[in-house]
Structure formats: structure tokens, C-alpha cells
Amino acid sequence: VFVGDRGMVTKSNLKMLQESDDAWGFLLGMTRRRNPETEVLIDRVREDAWSDCPVGINAREKVKDRPRTRVQEVTCDRAGVRVFVVDSDERRAHEVRMRTKAMERVRSSLERVQTRVAKGQLKQPEKIGAAVERTLQRNHGYRYYDWELEEGQLKFFEHPVNLSREKKYEGKYLIQYMSHADKEMTPVDAVAH
């Protein structure tokens, strides 16, 4: 079985792995963003279907609230491919911290643009839009905020779709698996491998 991280996953690489005459199979991470399949797969998660994974070295320490990792298989629409959604407390904590910091930086920058508009330093809609765009390009602002210009006033707000998607992804990653020889890999085995 070919094992690779999500940075190696392209349509052409997957096609080569699936269609090669001597294909052994693959165990690959899946990209979460810029992948329309990801949200569909995460939405198929059932809260009653998780399997706990053995704890890692850091989590074996005698701590009161040990971080957990759990996994479940979800239905994949690609023939012969199995998908496992992994939910990690440690990963979630890290990603929440990173998102919170990024949102604060973006919010602060948007507030500065908003102040410039309110003081009349930025008046032309195209210049206001350019300033907001620059701000949203930094720190992944589009994942968190949206904006509008209404009667010369700049308003920004949490993005109603993108932010909830980001929160849904936090702590989760996906593994895709296909094998011509071993169809019996369990979700816990996939995480271990």
C-alpha cells in the first residue's frame, strides 16, 4: 500500500494509484480545503459511531483530561475507496488557537480600515474595497469574515458560511484508503498506520 500525506494528493496521482496495472492500493490523507468532497464526508459523521484510538505518547501521561483521538468510517461515493474521519482533541485545540489568533489579527485590520472610512480618509468604494481585500488576503480572512459597504459606511461581520465550515473542520482530518489485497483494514488500523 502506498502511504502519503495530503500534500501528495492530486487527481492525477490518485488516478495513477487506482488505475496502475500493479496497483497495490493507497492510504492517503485528504485535503480539507479546496476539496468539495470534504464537507460532504464530514457531514456524514454520526456522533454514535466513533471508535476510540489508542492514545499517543503525549496522551499517555497521567493527566486528568487526557486528549482523545477517535475515528469512524463514512460512506464514500468513489467506488472502492473507503474514507475514515479522524477527530483529535489535540488537533482541535491547536486549530482553535490558530483560528482565534488569525481572527483577531483580521478583525483588528478591518477595524483600522473601518476607522479610515469613518474619518473620511478612504472615500472611493474601489479604494475601500481594495483595502478590505488586502486585509482579507492576510491571515486567511476570507475564512472568517465578510463585508459590505452601505451608504459610505464599511461594515464587516463573521462570514455566515465560511466560519461555520472552518469550525466544523477543526480537529478533524480524513484518510482515504483503497487496497486490492486487504479490504479488512479497520478505521483504528488506518489511523495507526
N, C-alpha and C. Protein backbone atom coordinates (compact mmCIF):
# COMPACT_ATOMS: atom_id res chain seq x y z
N VAL A 1 0.86 -1.18 0.00
CA VAL A 1 0.00 0.00 0.00
C VAL A 1 0.89 1.23 0.00
N PHE A 2 0.58 2.18 -0.86
CA PHE A 2 1.29 3.45 -0.90
C PHE A 2 0.72 4.34 0.19
N VAL A 3 1.60 4.90 1.03
CA VAL A 3 1.18 5.79 2.11
C VAL A 3 1.73 7.17 1.82
N GLY A 4 0.86 8.18 1.88
CA GLY A 4 1.31 9.55 1.62
C GLY A 4 0.46 10.54 2.37
N ASP A 5 1.01 11.76 2.54
CA ASP A 5 0.24 12.80 3.22
C ASP A 5 -0.61 13.56 2.20
N ARG A 6 -1.46 14.45 2.70
CA ARG A 6 -2.42 15.12 1.83
C ARG A 6 -1.76 16.07 0.84
N GLY A 7 -0.50 16.46 1.07
CA GLY A 7 0.21 17.31 0.13
C GLY A 7 0.54 16.59 -1.18
N MET A 8 0.50 15.27 -1.16
CA MET A 8 0.81 14.48 -2.36
C MET A 8 -0.44 14.16 -3.17
N VAL A 9 -1.60 14.52 -2.65
CA VAL A 9 -2.84 14.09 -3.26
C VAL A 9 -3.27 15.07 -4.35
N THR A 10 -3.19 14.59 -5.58
CA THR A 10 -3.72 15.33 -6.72
C THR A 10 -4.59 14.35 -7.50
N LYS A 11 -5.44 14.87 -8.37
CA LYS A 11 -6.29 13.98 -9.17
C LYS A 11 -5.44 13.03 -10.01
N SER A 12 -4.37 13.54 -10.58
CA SER A 12 -3.54 12.68 -11.43
C SER A 12 -2.82 11.61 -10.61
N ASN A 13 -2.34 11.95 -9.41
CA ASN A 13 -1.68 10.95 -8.56
C ASN A 13 -2.68 9.88 -8.13
N LEU A 14 -3.89 10.30 -7.74
CA LEU A 14 -4.91 9.32 -7.35
C LEU A 14 -5.27 8.41 -8.51
N LYS A 15 -5.43 8.99 -9.69
CA LYS A 15 -5.78 8.20 -10.88
C LYS A 15 -4.68 7.17 -11.16
N MET A 16 -3.43 7.60 -11.07
CA MET A 16 -2.30 6.69 -11.30
C MET A 16 -2.30 5.55 -10.28
N LEU A 17 -2.56 5.88 -9.01
CA LEU A 17 -2.57 4.86 -7.97
C LEU A 17 -3.73 3.87 -8.15
N GLN A 18 -4.87 4.35 -8.63
CA GLN A 18 -6.04 3.50 -8.78
C GLN A 18 -5.99 2.65 -10.05
N GLU A 19 -5.40 3.19 -11.11
CA GLU A 19 -5.51 2.53 -12.40
C GLU A 19 -4.25 1.79 -12.84
N SER A 20 -3.20 1.86 -12.08
CA SER A 20 -1.95 1.19 -12.45
C SER A 20 -2.16 -0.32 -12.48
N ASP A 21 -1.52 -0.99 -13.44
CA ASP A 21 -1.65 -2.46 -13.56
C ASP A 21 -1.12 -3.18 -12.32
N ASP A 22 -0.11 -2.63 -11.70
CA ASP A 22 0.45 -3.26 -10.50
C ASP A 22 0.03 -2.50 -9.23
N ALA A 23 -1.17 -1.92 -9.28
CA ALA A 23 -1.65 -1.12 -8.14
C ALA A 23 -1.77 -1.98 -6.89
N TRP A 24 -1.21 -1.50 -5.81
CA TRP A 24 -1.29 -2.19 -4.53
C TRP A 24 -2.37 -1.58 -3.66
N GLY A 25 -2.63 -0.32 -3.88
CA GLY A 25 -3.58 0.39 -3.06
C GLY A 25 -2.93 1.62 -2.47
N PHE A 26 -3.68 2.35 -1.65
CA PHE A 26 -3.13 3.56 -1.04
C PHE A 26 -3.81 3.85 0.28
N LEU A 27 -3.09 4.57 1.11
CA LEU A 27 -3.57 5.11 2.38
C LEU A 27 -3.07 6.55 2.40
N LEU A 28 -3.98 7.49 2.17
CA LEU A 28 -3.59 8.88 1.96
C LEU A 28 -4.43 9.84 2.78
N GLY A 29 -3.81 10.90 3.22
CA GLY A 29 -4.57 11.98 3.81
C GLY A 29 -5.35 12.69 2.71
N MET A 30 -6.45 13.32 3.10
CA MET A 30 -7.25 14.10 2.14
C MET A 30 -7.16 15.57 2.49
N THR A 31 -7.11 16.40 1.47
CA THR A 31 -7.14 17.83 1.73
C THR A 31 -8.52 18.22 2.24
N ARG A 32 -8.56 19.19 3.13
CA ARG A 32 -9.85 19.62 3.67
C ARG A 32 -10.39 20.81 2.90
N ARG A 33 -9.55 21.75 2.61
CA ARG A 33 -10.00 22.94 1.89
C ARG A 33 -9.79 22.73 0.40
N ARG A 34 -10.53 23.48 -0.37
CA ARG A 34 -10.46 23.37 -1.84
C ARG A 34 -10.77 21.95 -2.30
N ASN A 35 -11.57 21.24 -1.53
CA ASN A 35 -11.98 19.89 -1.88
C ASN A 35 -13.48 19.78 -1.59
N PRO A 36 -14.30 19.83 -2.63
CA PRO A 36 -15.76 19.83 -2.40
C PRO A 36 -16.26 18.57 -1.71
N GLU A 37 -15.52 17.50 -1.78
CA GLU A 37 -15.93 16.23 -1.17
C GLU A 37 -15.83 16.27 0.36
N THR A 38 -14.90 17.05 0.88
CA THR A 38 -14.60 17.06 2.31
C THR A 38 -15.81 17.38 3.17
N GLU A 39 -16.49 18.47 2.89
CA GLU A 39 -17.61 18.86 3.73
C GLU A 39 -18.72 17.81 3.69
N VAL A 40 -18.95 17.23 2.52
CA VAL A 40 -19.96 16.17 2.39
C VAL A 40 -19.60 14.99 3.29
N LEU A 41 -18.33 14.60 3.28
CA LEU A 41 -17.89 13.47 4.09
C LEU A 41 -17.98 13.77 5.58
N ILE A 42 -17.57 14.97 5.99
CA ILE A 42 -17.64 15.32 7.41
C ILE A 42 -19.10 15.40 7.86
N ASP A 43 -19.98 15.84 6.97
CA ASP A 43 -21.40 15.89 7.31
C ASP A 43 -22.02 14.50 7.50
N ARG A 44 -21.35 13.48 7.02
CA ARG A 44 -21.85 12.10 7.18
C ARG A 44 -21.46 11.48 8.52
N VAL A 45 -20.68 12.19 9.31
CA VAL A 45 -20.26 11.69 10.62
C VAL A 45 -21.49 11.53 11.51
N ARG A 46 -21.51 10.43 12.24
CA ARG A 46 -22.58 10.18 13.21
C ARG A 46 -21.95 10.18 14.60
N GLU A 47 -22.52 10.93 15.50
CA GLU A 47 -21.95 11.04 16.85
C GLU A 47 -21.92 9.70 17.59
N ASP A 48 -22.76 8.77 17.22
CA ASP A 48 -22.80 7.48 17.92
C ASP A 48 -21.91 6.42 17.27
N ALA A 49 -21.11 6.80 16.28
CA ALA A 49 -20.33 5.80 15.53
C ALA A 49 -18.82 5.90 15.72
N TRP A 50 -18.37 6.70 16.67
CA TRP A 50 -16.92 6.86 16.87
C TRP A 50 -16.30 5.63 17.52
N SER A 51 -15.08 5.34 17.12
CA SER A 51 -14.25 4.33 17.78
C SER A 51 -13.05 5.04 18.36
N ASP A 52 -12.73 4.75 19.62
CA ASP A 52 -11.57 5.37 20.25
C ASP A 52 -10.29 4.75 19.72
N CYS A 53 -9.30 5.58 19.51
CA CYS A 53 -7.98 5.12 19.07
C CYS A 53 -7.07 5.05 20.28
N PRO A 54 -6.10 4.13 20.26
CA PRO A 54 -5.14 4.09 21.37
C PRO A 54 -4.45 5.44 21.49
N VAL A 55 -4.17 5.83 22.73
CA VAL A 55 -3.56 7.14 22.95
C VAL A 55 -2.11 7.15 22.50
N GLY A 56 -1.65 8.32 22.10
CA GLY A 56 -0.26 8.50 21.69
C GLY A 56 0.64 8.70 22.89
N ILE A 57 1.91 8.89 22.63
CA ILE A 57 2.91 9.02 23.69
C ILE A 57 2.57 10.20 24.62
N ASN A 58 2.26 11.37 24.05
CA ASN A 58 1.96 12.55 24.88
C ASN A 58 0.72 12.33 25.71
N ALA A 59 -0.26 11.63 25.16
CA ALA A 59 -1.53 11.44 25.86
C ALA A 59 -1.45 10.35 26.93
N ARG A 60 -0.36 9.57 26.97
CA ARG A 60 -0.23 8.50 27.96
C ARG A 60 0.16 9.04 29.33
N GLU A 61 0.61 10.26 29.36
CA GLU A 61 0.99 10.85 30.64
C GLU A 61 -0.24 10.87 31.54
N LYS A 62 0.01 10.80 32.84
CA LYS A 62 -1.11 10.77 33.78
C LYS A 62 -1.70 12.16 33.93
N VAL A 63 -2.65 12.44 33.09
CA VAL A 63 -3.32 13.73 33.09
C VAL A 63 -4.80 13.47 33.33
N LYS A 64 -5.42 14.41 33.99
CA LYS A 64 -6.83 14.23 34.33
C LYS A 64 -7.70 14.13 33.08
N ASP A 65 -7.65 15.12 32.21
CA ASP A 65 -8.46 15.12 31.00
C ASP A 65 -7.57 14.81 29.80
N ARG A 66 -7.35 13.54 29.58
CA ARG A 66 -6.48 13.09 28.51
C ARG A 66 -7.11 13.40 27.15
N PRO A 67 -6.36 13.99 26.22
CA PRO A 67 -6.92 14.24 24.89
C PRO A 67 -7.21 12.91 24.20
N ARG A 68 -8.28 12.87 23.47
CA ARG A 68 -8.66 11.63 22.80
C ARG A 68 -8.58 11.80 21.29
N THR A 69 -8.39 10.68 20.65
CA THR A 69 -8.47 10.60 19.20
C THR A 69 -9.45 9.50 18.90
N ARG A 70 -10.37 9.80 18.02
CA ARG A 70 -11.37 8.81 17.65
C ARG A 70 -11.57 8.86 16.15
N VAL A 71 -12.16 7.80 15.63
CA VAL A 71 -12.28 7.66 14.18
C VAL A 71 -13.58 6.94 13.83
N GLN A 72 -14.05 7.20 12.63
CA GLN A 72 -15.17 6.43 12.09
C GLN A 72 -15.10 6.43 10.58
N GLU A 73 -15.62 5.37 10.01
CA GLU A 73 -15.70 5.27 8.55
C GLU A 73 -16.99 5.92 8.09
N VAL A 74 -16.90 6.69 7.02
CA VAL A 74 -18.08 7.28 6.41
C VAL A 74 -18.18 6.80 4.97
N THR A 75 -19.36 6.81 4.43
CA THR A 75 -19.59 6.35 3.07
C THR A 75 -18.92 7.29 2.08
N CYS A 76 -18.18 6.70 1.15
CA CYS A 76 -17.52 7.47 0.09
C CYS A 76 -18.22 7.16 -1.22
N ASP A 77 -18.40 8.17 -2.05
CA ASP A 77 -19.09 7.98 -3.32
C ASP A 77 -18.17 7.47 -4.43
N ARG A 78 -16.88 7.36 -4.16
CA ARG A 78 -15.94 6.83 -5.16
C ARG A 78 -15.83 5.32 -4.97
N ALA A 79 -16.03 4.60 -6.04
CA ALA A 79 -16.02 3.14 -5.99
C ALA A 79 -14.69 2.60 -5.47
N GLY A 80 -14.77 1.68 -4.51
CA GLY A 80 -13.60 1.00 -3.99
C GLY A 80 -12.80 1.80 -2.98
N VAL A 81 -13.19 3.04 -2.71
CA VAL A 81 -12.44 3.89 -1.78
C VAL A 81 -13.19 3.97 -0.47
N ARG A 82 -12.47 3.77 0.61
CA ARG A 82 -13.03 3.92 1.95
C ARG A 82 -12.46 5.19 2.56
N VAL A 83 -13.29 5.88 3.34
CA VAL A 83 -12.84 7.13 3.96
C VAL A 83 -13.08 7.04 5.46
N PHE A 84 -12.05 7.45 6.22
CA PHE A 84 -12.10 7.47 7.67
C PHE A 84 -11.97 8.93 8.12
N VAL A 85 -12.90 9.37 8.94
CA VAL A 85 -12.82 10.71 9.53
C VAL A 85 -12.23 10.56 10.92
N VAL A 86 -11.17 11.30 11.18
CA VAL A 86 -10.48 11.25 12.46
C VAL A 86 -10.77 12.55 13.21
N ASP A 87 -11.08 12.41 14.49
CA ASP A 87 -11.37 13.57 15.34
C ASP A 87 -10.36 13.56 16.48
N SER A 88 -9.55 14.61 16.57
CA SER A 88 -8.48 14.69 17.56
C SER A 88 -8.65 15.91 18.46
N ASP A 89 -8.72 15.68 19.75
CA ASP A 89 -8.82 16.79 20.71
C ASP A 89 -7.59 17.70 20.62
N GLU A 90 -6.40 17.11 20.51
CA GLU A 90 -5.17 17.91 20.43
C GLU A 90 -5.17 18.79 19.18
N ARG A 91 -5.55 18.20 18.07
CA ARG A 91 -5.59 18.95 16.81
C ARG A 91 -6.62 20.08 16.90
N ARG A 92 -7.79 19.77 17.49
CA ARG A 92 -8.84 20.79 17.62
C ARG A 92 -8.33 21.96 18.45
N ALA A 93 -7.70 21.67 19.59
CA ALA A 93 -7.19 22.74 20.45
C ALA A 93 -6.21 23.62 19.69
N HIS A 94 -5.31 23.00 18.94
CA HIS A 94 -4.33 23.76 18.15
C HIS A 94 -5.03 24.61 17.10
N GLU A 95 -5.96 24.02 16.36
CA GLU A 95 -6.62 24.75 15.28
C GLU A 95 -7.52 25.86 15.80
N VAL A 96 -8.16 25.66 16.94
CA VAL A 96 -8.97 26.72 17.54
C VAL A 96 -8.06 27.89 17.94
N ARG A 97 -6.91 27.59 18.55
CA ARG A 97 -5.96 28.66 18.91
C ARG A 97 -5.51 29.44 17.68
N MET A 98 -5.16 28.71 16.61
CA MET A 98 -4.70 29.36 15.39
C MET A 98 -5.80 30.22 14.77
N ARG A 99 -7.02 29.71 14.73
CA ARG A 99 -8.14 30.47 14.16
C ARG A 99 -8.41 31.71 14.99
N THR A 100 -8.41 31.58 16.30
CA THR A 100 -8.68 32.71 17.18
C THR A 100 -7.65 33.82 16.97
N LYS A 101 -6.37 33.45 16.89
CA LYS A 101 -5.32 34.45 16.64
C LYS A 101 -5.50 35.12 15.29
N ALA A 102 -5.78 34.31 14.26
CA ALA A 102 -5.96 34.86 12.91
C ALA A 102 -7.17 35.79 12.87
N MET A 103 -8.26 35.39 13.52
CA MET A 103 -9.46 36.23 13.52
C MET A 103 -9.20 37.56 14.21
N GLU A 104 -8.44 37.53 15.29
CA GLU A 104 -8.12 38.78 15.99
C GLU A 104 -7.28 39.71 15.12
N ARG A 105 -6.29 39.15 14.41
CA ARG A 105 -5.46 39.97 13.53
C ARG A 105 -6.31 40.58 12.41
N VAL A 106 -7.18 39.76 11.80
CA VAL A 106 -8.02 40.25 10.71
C VAL A 106 -9.00 41.29 11.22
N ARG A 107 -9.64 41.00 12.36
CA ARG A 107 -10.60 41.95 12.94
C ARG A 107 -9.92 43.30 13.21
N SER A 108 -8.75 43.26 13.78
CA SER A 108 -8.02 44.49 14.09
C SER A 108 -7.73 45.28 12.81
N SER A 109 -7.30 44.58 11.77
CA SER A 109 -7.00 45.25 10.49
C SER A 109 -8.27 45.82 9.87
N LEU A 110 -9.36 45.06 9.93
CA LEU A 110 -10.63 45.57 9.38
C LEU A 110 -11.12 46.79 10.16
N GLU A 111 -10.92 46.78 11.47
CA GLU A 111 -11.32 47.94 12.28
C GLU A 111 -10.51 49.17 11.89
N ARG A 112 -9.23 48.99 11.55
CA ARG A 112 -8.42 50.13 11.11
C ARG A 112 -8.94 50.70 9.79
N VAL A 113 -9.30 49.81 8.87
CA VAL A 113 -9.87 50.26 7.59
C VAL A 113 -11.20 50.96 7.86
N GLN A 114 -12.00 50.38 8.72
CA GLN A 114 -13.30 50.95 9.07
C GLN A 114 -13.13 52.36 9.66
N THR A 115 -12.14 52.56 10.49
CA THR A 115 -11.85 53.87 11.08
C THR A 115 -11.45 54.87 10.00
N ARG A 116 -10.61 54.44 9.07
CA ARG A 116 -10.19 55.32 7.97
C ARG A 116 -11.39 55.77 7.14
N VAL A 117 -12.32 54.84 6.92
CA VAL A 117 -13.53 55.18 6.16
C VAL A 117 -14.38 56.16 6.96
N ALA A 118 -14.57 55.90 8.24
CA ALA A 118 -15.40 56.77 9.09
C ALA A 118 -14.81 58.18 9.19
N LYS A 119 -13.48 58.29 9.17
CA LYS A 119 -12.83 59.61 9.25
C LYS A 119 -12.77 60.32 7.90
N GLY A 120 -13.21 59.62 6.85
CA GLY A 120 -13.19 60.23 5.52
C GLY A 120 -11.85 60.12 4.82
N GLN A 121 -10.93 59.35 5.37
CA GLN A 121 -9.62 59.17 4.74
C GLN A 121 -9.71 58.24 3.53
N LEU A 122 -10.67 57.36 3.53
CA LEU A 122 -10.96 56.48 2.39
C LEU A 122 -12.40 56.74 1.99
N LYS A 123 -12.61 57.20 0.76
CA LYS A 123 -13.96 57.55 0.34
C LYS A 123 -14.44 56.76 -0.87
N GLN A 124 -13.55 56.54 -1.81
CA GLN A 124 -13.95 55.89 -3.04
C GLN A 124 -14.20 54.40 -2.79
N PRO A 125 -15.35 53.89 -3.23
CA PRO A 125 -15.68 52.47 -3.00
C PRO A 125 -14.61 51.49 -3.48
N GLU A 126 -14.00 51.79 -4.64
CA GLU A 126 -12.98 50.86 -5.15
C GLU A 126 -11.73 50.86 -4.27
N LYS A 127 -11.39 51.99 -3.66
CA LYS A 127 -10.23 52.03 -2.76
C LYS A 127 -10.55 51.36 -1.42
N ILE A 128 -11.77 51.55 -0.97
CA ILE A 128 -12.20 50.87 0.26
C ILE A 128 -12.17 49.36 0.03
N GLY A 129 -12.74 48.93 -1.10
CA GLY A 129 -12.74 47.51 -1.43
C GLY A 129 -11.35 46.93 -1.53
N ALA A 130 -10.42 47.68 -2.13
CA ALA A 130 -9.03 47.21 -2.25
C ALA A 130 -8.38 47.06 -0.88
N ALA A 131 -8.64 48.01 0.01
CA ALA A 131 -8.06 47.94 1.37
C ALA A 131 -8.62 46.74 2.13
N VAL A 132 -9.92 46.52 1.99
CA VAL A 132 -10.54 45.36 2.66
C VAL A 132 -10.00 44.07 2.07
N GLU A 133 -9.87 44.01 0.75
CA GLU A 133 -9.35 42.81 0.10
C GLU A 133 -7.95 42.47 0.57
N ARG A 134 -7.10 43.48 0.68
CA ARG A 134 -5.73 43.24 1.18
C ARG A 134 -5.78 42.65 2.58
N THR A 135 -6.65 43.18 3.41
CA THR A 135 -6.79 42.69 4.78
C THR A 135 -7.27 41.25 4.80
N LEU A 136 -8.26 40.94 3.98
CA LEU A 136 -8.81 39.58 3.98
C LEU A 136 -7.86 38.56 3.37
N GLN A 137 -6.96 39.02 2.51
CA GLN A 137 -5.97 38.11 1.92
C GLN A 137 -4.97 37.63 2.98
N ARG A 138 -4.68 38.51 3.94
CA ARG A 138 -3.75 38.15 5.01
C ARG A 138 -4.48 37.32 6.06
N ASN A 139 -3.79 36.39 6.65
CA ASN A 139 -4.32 35.60 7.77
C ASN A 139 -5.62 34.86 7.45
N HIS A 140 -5.82 34.53 6.20
CA HIS A 140 -6.99 33.75 5.77
C HIS A 140 -8.31 34.42 6.16
N GLY A 141 -8.37 35.72 6.05
CA GLY A 141 -9.55 36.46 6.47
C GLY A 141 -10.84 36.03 5.82
N TYR A 142 -10.77 35.54 4.58
CA TYR A 142 -11.99 35.10 3.89
C TYR A 142 -12.64 33.90 4.57
N ARG A 143 -11.87 33.17 5.33
CA ARG A 143 -12.44 32.03 6.05
C ARG A 143 -13.35 32.47 7.19
N TYR A 144 -13.18 33.73 7.63
CA TYR A 144 -13.83 34.16 8.85
C TYR A 144 -14.80 35.33 8.69
N TYR A 145 -14.49 36.25 7.77
CA TYR A 145 -15.26 37.50 7.69
C TYR A 145 -15.78 37.78 6.29
N ASP A 146 -16.86 38.56 6.27
CA ASP A 146 -17.41 39.11 5.04
C ASP A 146 -17.65 40.59 5.31
N TRP A 147 -17.95 41.36 4.30
CA TRP A 147 -18.09 42.79 4.48
C TRP A 147 -19.06 43.35 3.46
N GLU A 148 -19.48 44.58 3.73
CA GLU A 148 -20.31 45.31 2.77
C GLU A 148 -20.10 46.80 2.99
N LEU A 149 -20.34 47.55 1.94
CA LEU A 149 -20.25 49.00 2.00
C LEU A 149 -21.67 49.51 1.81
N GLU A 150 -22.19 50.14 2.84
CA GLU A 150 -23.58 50.59 2.81
C GLU A 150 -23.64 52.07 3.15
N GLU A 151 -24.07 52.88 2.18
CA GLU A 151 -24.19 54.32 2.35
C GLU A 151 -22.88 54.93 2.87
N GLY A 152 -21.78 54.50 2.27
CA GLY A 152 -20.48 55.05 2.62
C GLY A 152 -19.89 54.53 3.92
N GLN A 153 -20.56 53.60 4.57
CA GLN A 153 -20.07 53.04 5.83
C GLN A 153 -19.62 51.59 5.60
N LEU A 154 -18.44 51.29 6.09
CA LEU A 154 -17.92 49.92 5.98
C LEU A 154 -18.42 49.10 7.15
N LYS A 155 -19.02 47.97 6.83
CA LYS A 155 -19.47 47.03 7.86
C LYS A 155 -18.82 45.69 7.57
N PHE A 156 -18.33 45.06 8.61
CA PHE A 156 -17.82 43.69 8.44
C PHE A 156 -18.43 42.82 9.52
N PHE A 157 -18.48 41.54 9.24
CA PHE A 157 -19.17 40.60 10.13
C PHE A 157 -18.63 39.20 9.88
N GLU A 158 -18.88 38.32 10.84
CA GLU A 158 -18.44 36.93 10.67
C GLU A 158 -19.15 36.32 9.47
N HIS A 159 -18.39 35.63 8.66
CA HIS A 159 -18.95 35.03 7.45
C HIS A 159 -19.93 33.94 7.84
N PRO A 160 -21.17 34.02 7.35
CA PRO A 160 -22.20 33.07 7.78
C PRO A 160 -21.97 31.62 7.32
N VAL A 161 -21.22 31.43 6.25
CA VAL A 161 -20.98 30.07 5.73
C VAL A 161 -19.56 29.62 6.02
N ASN A 162 -18.59 30.43 5.64
CA ASN A 162 -17.19 30.01 5.75
C ASN A 162 -16.75 29.76 7.19
N LEU A 163 -17.15 30.62 8.12
CA LEU A 163 -16.72 30.45 9.51
C LEU A 163 -17.29 29.17 10.11
N SER A 164 -18.55 28.89 9.86
CA SER A 164 -19.13 27.66 10.41
C SER A 164 -18.46 26.43 9.78
N ARG A 165 -18.06 26.52 8.51
CA ARG A 165 -17.34 25.40 7.87
C ARG A 165 -15.99 25.21 8.54
N GLU A 166 -15.28 26.31 8.81
CA GLU A 166 -13.99 26.21 9.47
C GLU A 166 -14.12 25.55 10.84
N LYS A 167 -15.14 25.94 11.59
CA LYS A 167 -15.34 25.35 12.91
C LYS A 167 -15.68 23.87 12.81
N LYS A 168 -16.42 23.51 11.78
CA LYS A 168 -16.77 22.10 11.57
C LYS A 168 -15.53 21.25 11.28
N TYR A 169 -14.57 21.83 10.58
CA TYR A 169 -13.34 21.11 10.21
C TYR A 169 -12.36 20.98 11.36
N GLU A 170 -12.45 21.86 12.35
CA GLU A 170 -11.45 21.89 13.42
C GLU A 170 -11.38 20.56 14.15
N GLY A 171 -10.16 20.05 14.25
CA GLY A 171 -9.93 18.80 14.95
C GLY A 171 -10.11 17.56 14.10
N LYS A 172 -10.57 17.75 12.88
CA LYS A 172 -10.86 16.59 12.03
C LYS A 172 -9.89 16.54 10.86
N TYR A 173 -9.54 15.33 10.50
CA TYR A 173 -8.83 15.11 9.25
C TYR A 173 -9.34 13.81 8.66
N LEU A 174 -9.09 13.63 7.38
CA LEU A 174 -9.64 12.48 6.66
C LEU A 174 -8.53 11.64 6.06
N ILE A 175 -8.77 10.35 6.07
CA ILE A 175 -7.85 9.38 5.47
C ILE A 175 -8.65 8.61 4.43
N GLN A 176 -8.10 8.51 3.23
CA GLN A 176 -8.75 7.69 2.20
C GLN A 176 -7.92 6.44 1.98
N TYR A 177 -8.63 5.34 1.75
CA TYR A 177 -7.95 4.04 1.69
C TYR A 177 -8.54 3.21 0.56
N MET A 178 -7.66 2.57 -0.18
CA MET A 178 -8.09 1.62 -1.20
C MET A 178 -7.02 0.54 -1.28
N SER A 179 -7.45 -0.70 -1.29
CA SER A 179 -6.50 -1.79 -1.40
C SER A 179 -7.11 -2.90 -2.22
N HIS A 180 -6.31 -3.48 -3.09
CA HIS A 180 -6.78 -4.62 -3.88
C HIS A 180 -6.58 -5.92 -3.11
N ALA A 181 -5.75 -5.88 -2.08
CA ALA A 181 -5.43 -7.10 -1.34
C ALA A 181 -6.12 -7.16 0.02
N ASP A 182 -6.13 -6.04 0.74
CA ASP A 182 -6.62 -6.05 2.11
C ASP A 182 -7.83 -5.13 2.24
N LYS A 183 -9.01 -5.70 2.19
CA LYS A 183 -10.25 -4.90 2.31
C LYS A 183 -10.69 -4.79 3.76
N GLU A 184 -10.00 -5.45 4.67
CA GLU A 184 -10.47 -5.55 6.06
C GLU A 184 -9.82 -4.59 7.03
N MET A 185 -9.11 -3.58 6.55
CA MET A 185 -8.49 -2.64 7.46
C MET A 185 -9.58 -1.92 8.25
N THR A 186 -9.40 -1.86 9.56
CA THR A 186 -10.38 -1.17 10.39
C THR A 186 -10.04 0.32 10.42
N PRO A 187 -10.99 1.15 10.77
CA PRO A 187 -10.68 2.58 10.90
C PRO A 187 -9.54 2.84 11.90
N VAL A 188 -9.53 2.13 13.01
CA VAL A 188 -8.46 2.31 14.01
C VAL A 188 -7.11 1.90 13.42
N ASP A 189 -7.07 0.81 12.64
CA ASP A 189 -5.84 0.40 11.98
C ASP A 189 -5.33 1.48 11.01
N ALA A 190 -6.25 2.10 10.29
CA ALA A 190 -5.87 3.15 9.34
C ALA A 190 -5.20 4.31 10.07
N VAL A 191 -5.73 4.69 11.21
CA VAL A 191 -5.13 5.78 11.98
C VAL A 191 -3.76 5.36 12.49
N ALA A 192 -3.63 4.13 12.97
CA ALA A 192 -2.35 3.63 13.48
C ALA A 192 -1.30 3.63 12.37
N HIS A 193 -1.70 3.21 11.18
CA HIS A 193 -0.75 3.16 10.06
C HIS A 193 -0.39 4.56 9.61
